[in-house]
Amino acid sequence: MTMKHEAYSTHAGDKTKKKVSCKDMGGTCDATFEGNYQEVMDIGWDHVKEHHPEFVEKAMKMTEEERKKWYADFDHAWVSAGVIE
């Protein structure tokens, strides 16, 4: 599944390097991911597929409104995340 981030997030093109956790992305563990928005989304999705397959099933069934809410929650976490120099 490929997420069309730009359709849901105003930060999709953000090249700022940041560090976020699985929990920041709505997950349940403390794994961390570093990179720009697209890199974090790609790394995070690979992590979710490997470690949290139950979320993959949930994500595949999300309604448009649920998807928008997930992105809004993640965008809030992205804005709050620390910048990596």
N, C-alpha and C. Protein backbone atom coordinates (compact mmCIF):
# COMPACT_ATOMS: atom_id res chain seq x y z
N MET A 1 0.84 -1.18 0.00
CA MET A 1 0.00 0.00 0.00
C MET A 1 0.88 1.24 0.00
N THR A 2 0.61 2.16 -0.88
CA THR A 2 1.34 3.41 -0.93
C THR A 2 0.41 4.52 -0.50
N MET A 3 0.84 5.25 0.51
CA MET A 3 0.02 6.34 1.00
C MET A 3 0.33 7.59 0.17
N LYS A 4 -0.68 8.32 -0.21
CA LYS A 4 -0.51 9.57 -0.94
C LYS A 4 -0.49 10.70 0.08
N HIS A 5 0.68 10.87 0.70
CA HIS A 5 0.81 11.81 1.81
C HIS A 5 0.36 13.22 1.44
N GLU A 6 0.72 13.66 0.24
CA GLU A 6 0.39 15.03 -0.15
C GLU A 6 -1.11 15.27 -0.21
N ALA A 7 -1.90 14.22 -0.33
CA ALA A 7 -3.35 14.37 -0.35
C ALA A 7 -3.91 14.63 1.04
N TYR A 8 -3.13 14.30 2.06
CA TYR A 8 -3.63 14.40 3.43
C TYR A 8 -2.83 15.34 4.33
N SER A 9 -1.58 15.59 3.97
CA SER A 9 -0.70 16.32 4.87
C SER A 9 -0.12 17.57 4.22
N THR A 10 -0.10 18.65 4.97
CA THR A 10 0.55 19.87 4.49
C THR A 10 2.07 19.79 4.69
N HIS A 11 2.55 18.75 5.35
CA HIS A 11 3.97 18.60 5.61
C HIS A 11 4.64 17.59 4.69
N ALA A 12 3.93 17.05 3.72
CA ALA A 12 4.44 15.97 2.87
C ALA A 12 5.75 16.32 2.19
N GLY A 13 5.95 17.56 1.82
CA GLY A 13 7.19 17.96 1.15
C GLY A 13 8.26 18.48 2.09
N ASP A 14 8.03 18.39 3.39
CA ASP A 14 8.97 18.92 4.38
C ASP A 14 10.28 18.14 4.32
N LYS A 15 11.38 18.85 4.06
CA LYS A 15 12.71 18.23 3.96
C LYS A 15 13.49 18.35 5.27
N THR A 16 12.88 18.96 6.29
CA THR A 16 13.52 19.08 7.59
C THR A 16 13.72 17.69 8.18
N LYS A 17 14.92 17.42 8.69
CA LYS A 17 15.20 16.13 9.31
C LYS A 17 14.72 16.17 10.76
N LYS A 18 13.93 15.16 11.12
CA LYS A 18 13.41 15.09 12.47
C LYS A 18 13.49 13.66 12.98
N LYS A 19 13.26 13.50 14.27
CA LYS A 19 13.24 12.19 14.90
C LYS A 19 11.88 12.01 15.56
N VAL A 20 11.17 10.94 15.18
CA VAL A 20 9.87 10.65 15.77
C VAL A 20 9.84 9.19 16.20
N SER A 21 8.91 8.88 17.06
CA SER A 21 8.79 7.50 17.55
C SER A 21 7.58 6.82 16.93
N CYS A 22 7.54 5.53 17.08
CA CYS A 22 6.38 4.75 16.65
C CYS A 22 5.13 5.31 17.35
N LYS A 23 5.28 5.63 18.63
CA LYS A 23 4.14 6.20 19.38
C LYS A 23 3.68 7.52 18.77
N ASP A 24 4.65 8.35 18.30
CA ASP A 24 4.29 9.61 17.65
C ASP A 24 3.41 9.36 16.42
N MET A 25 3.63 8.20 15.79
CA MET A 25 2.89 7.87 14.58
C MET A 25 1.61 7.10 14.90
N GLY A 26 1.29 7.03 16.19
CA GLY A 26 0.06 6.35 16.61
C GLY A 26 0.29 4.90 16.97
N GLY A 27 1.55 4.48 17.02
CA GLY A 27 1.88 3.09 17.33
C GLY A 27 1.97 2.81 18.81
N THR A 28 2.53 1.66 19.11
CA THR A 28 2.53 1.20 20.51
C THR A 28 3.92 0.96 21.08
N CYS A 29 4.98 1.16 20.29
CA CYS A 29 6.32 0.88 20.82
C CYS A 29 7.20 2.12 20.77
N ASP A 30 8.40 1.99 21.30
CA ASP A 30 9.31 3.13 21.42
C ASP A 30 10.34 3.21 20.30
N ALA A 31 10.19 2.44 19.24
CA ALA A 31 11.12 2.51 18.11
C ALA A 31 11.14 3.94 17.59
N THR A 32 12.31 4.41 17.15
CA THR A 32 12.42 5.78 16.63
C THR A 32 12.86 5.75 15.18
N PHE A 33 12.46 6.79 14.47
CA PHE A 33 12.76 6.94 13.05
C PHE A 33 13.29 8.35 12.82
N GLU A 34 14.32 8.46 11.98
CA GLU A 34 14.91 9.76 11.69
C GLU A 34 14.89 10.01 10.19
N GLY A 35 14.63 11.25 9.82
CA GLY A 35 14.66 11.63 8.41
C GLY A 35 13.68 12.74 8.13
N ASN A 36 13.54 13.07 6.84
CA ASN A 36 12.54 14.07 6.48
C ASN A 36 11.17 13.38 6.49
N TYR A 37 10.14 14.13 6.22
CA TYR A 37 8.78 13.60 6.33
C TYR A 37 8.60 12.32 5.53
N GLN A 38 8.99 12.35 4.26
CA GLN A 38 8.80 11.18 3.40
C GLN A 38 9.62 9.99 3.90
N GLU A 39 10.86 10.23 4.31
CA GLU A 39 11.70 9.14 4.82
C GLU A 39 11.10 8.52 6.08
N VAL A 40 10.62 9.35 6.98
CA VAL A 40 10.02 8.85 8.22
C VAL A 40 8.76 8.04 7.90
N MET A 41 7.96 8.52 6.98
CA MET A 41 6.75 7.78 6.61
C MET A 41 7.11 6.43 5.99
N ASP A 42 8.12 6.40 5.13
CA ASP A 42 8.53 5.15 4.49
C ASP A 42 9.13 4.17 5.50
N ILE A 43 10.04 4.65 6.33
CA ILE A 43 10.67 3.81 7.36
C ILE A 43 9.62 3.34 8.36
N GLY A 44 8.76 4.28 8.76
CA GLY A 44 7.71 3.95 9.72
C GLY A 44 6.75 2.90 9.18
N TRP A 45 6.38 3.02 7.91
CA TRP A 45 5.45 2.05 7.33
C TRP A 45 6.11 0.67 7.25
N ASP A 46 7.39 0.62 6.89
CA ASP A 46 8.11 -0.67 6.88
C ASP A 46 8.13 -1.28 8.28
N HIS A 47 8.37 -0.44 9.28
CA HIS A 47 8.38 -0.89 10.68
C HIS A 47 7.01 -1.45 11.07
N VAL A 48 5.97 -0.73 10.71
CA VAL A 48 4.61 -1.15 11.06
C VAL A 48 4.28 -2.49 10.40
N LYS A 49 4.64 -2.63 9.13
CA LYS A 49 4.35 -3.90 8.43
C LYS A 49 5.05 -5.07 9.12
N GLU A 50 6.26 -4.84 9.61
CA GLU A 50 7.02 -5.92 10.24
C GLU A 50 6.61 -6.18 11.68
N HIS A 51 6.36 -5.12 12.45
CA HIS A 51 6.16 -5.27 13.89
C HIS A 51 4.72 -5.09 14.38
N HIS A 52 3.88 -4.48 13.58
CA HIS A 52 2.51 -4.19 14.00
C HIS A 52 1.51 -4.52 12.88
N PRO A 53 1.48 -5.77 12.43
CA PRO A 53 0.60 -6.13 11.30
C PRO A 53 -0.87 -5.85 11.57
N GLU A 54 -1.26 -5.81 12.84
CA GLU A 54 -2.66 -5.52 13.15
C GLU A 54 -3.03 -4.10 12.73
N PHE A 55 -2.06 -3.17 12.78
CA PHE A 55 -2.35 -1.80 12.33
C PHE A 55 -2.47 -1.74 10.81
N VAL A 56 -1.68 -2.56 10.11
CA VAL A 56 -1.76 -2.58 8.65
C VAL A 56 -3.18 -2.94 8.23
N GLU A 57 -3.75 -3.96 8.88
CA GLU A 57 -5.12 -4.36 8.57
C GLU A 57 -6.09 -3.21 8.85
N LYS A 58 -5.88 -2.53 9.97
CA LYS A 58 -6.74 -1.40 10.33
C LYS A 58 -6.59 -0.27 9.31
N ALA A 59 -5.35 0.03 8.93
CA ALA A 59 -5.09 1.13 7.99
C ALA A 59 -5.72 0.86 6.63
N MET A 60 -5.69 -0.39 6.21
CA MET A 60 -6.26 -0.75 4.92
C MET A 60 -7.78 -0.55 4.90
N LYS A 61 -8.40 -0.56 6.07
CA LYS A 61 -9.86 -0.44 6.15
C LYS A 61 -10.32 0.96 6.57
N MET A 62 -9.37 1.89 6.73
CA MET A 62 -9.72 3.23 7.19
C MET A 62 -10.65 3.92 6.19
N THR A 63 -11.62 4.61 6.74
CA THR A 63 -12.46 5.46 5.90
C THR A 63 -11.68 6.73 5.59
N GLU A 64 -12.18 7.51 4.69
CA GLU A 64 -11.53 8.77 4.35
C GLU A 64 -11.40 9.67 5.58
N GLU A 65 -12.44 9.73 6.39
CA GLU A 65 -12.40 10.56 7.60
C GLU A 65 -11.38 10.03 8.61
N GLU A 66 -11.30 8.72 8.76
CA GLU A 66 -10.31 8.14 9.68
C GLU A 66 -8.88 8.41 9.20
N ARG A 67 -8.68 8.32 7.89
CA ARG A 67 -7.35 8.60 7.32
C ARG A 67 -6.97 10.06 7.54
N LYS A 68 -7.91 10.97 7.32
CA LYS A 68 -7.65 12.40 7.54
C LYS A 68 -7.30 12.65 9.00
N LYS A 69 -8.00 12.00 9.92
CA LYS A 69 -7.72 12.17 11.34
C LYS A 69 -6.34 11.63 11.69
N TRP A 70 -5.98 10.47 11.14
CA TRP A 70 -4.66 9.90 11.42
C TRP A 70 -3.57 10.86 10.95
N TYR A 71 -3.71 11.40 9.75
CA TYR A 71 -2.72 12.35 9.25
C TYR A 71 -2.69 13.62 10.09
N ALA A 72 -3.83 14.11 10.51
CA ALA A 72 -3.86 15.31 11.35
C ALA A 72 -3.13 15.05 12.66
N ASP A 73 -3.35 13.88 13.26
CA ASP A 73 -2.66 13.52 14.50
C ASP A 73 -1.16 13.41 14.27
N PHE A 74 -0.75 12.75 13.16
CA PHE A 74 0.67 12.61 12.88
C PHE A 74 1.29 13.97 12.56
N ASP A 75 0.59 14.81 11.81
CA ASP A 75 1.13 16.13 11.49
C ASP A 75 1.40 16.93 12.76
N HIS A 76 0.51 16.80 13.74
CA HIS A 76 0.73 17.48 15.02
C HIS A 76 2.01 16.94 15.67
N ALA A 77 2.20 15.63 15.65
CA ALA A 77 3.41 15.03 16.21
C ALA A 77 4.64 15.48 15.42
N TRP A 78 4.52 15.59 14.08
CA TRP A 78 5.64 16.01 13.24
C TRP A 78 6.08 17.44 13.60
N VAL A 79 5.11 18.31 13.77
CA VAL A 79 5.42 19.70 14.12
C VAL A 79 6.12 19.76 15.48
N SER A 80 5.71 18.91 16.39
CA SER A 80 6.27 18.90 17.75
C SER A 80 7.61 18.20 17.85
N ALA A 81 7.95 17.39 16.85
CA ALA A 81 9.18 16.58 16.90
C ALA A 81 10.42 17.46 16.84
N GLY A 82 11.48 16.98 17.47
CA GLY A 82 12.73 17.71 17.47
C GLY A 82 13.46 17.65 16.14
N VAL A 83 14.03 18.76 15.75
CA VAL A 83 14.79 18.84 14.49
C VAL A 83 16.18 18.26 14.73
N ILE A 84 16.66 17.49 13.74
CA ILE A 84 18.01 16.92 13.79
C ILE A 84 18.92 17.83 12.99
N GLU A 85 20.00 18.23 13.58
CA GLU A 85 20.97 19.10 12.89
C GLU A 85 21.83 18.30 11.95
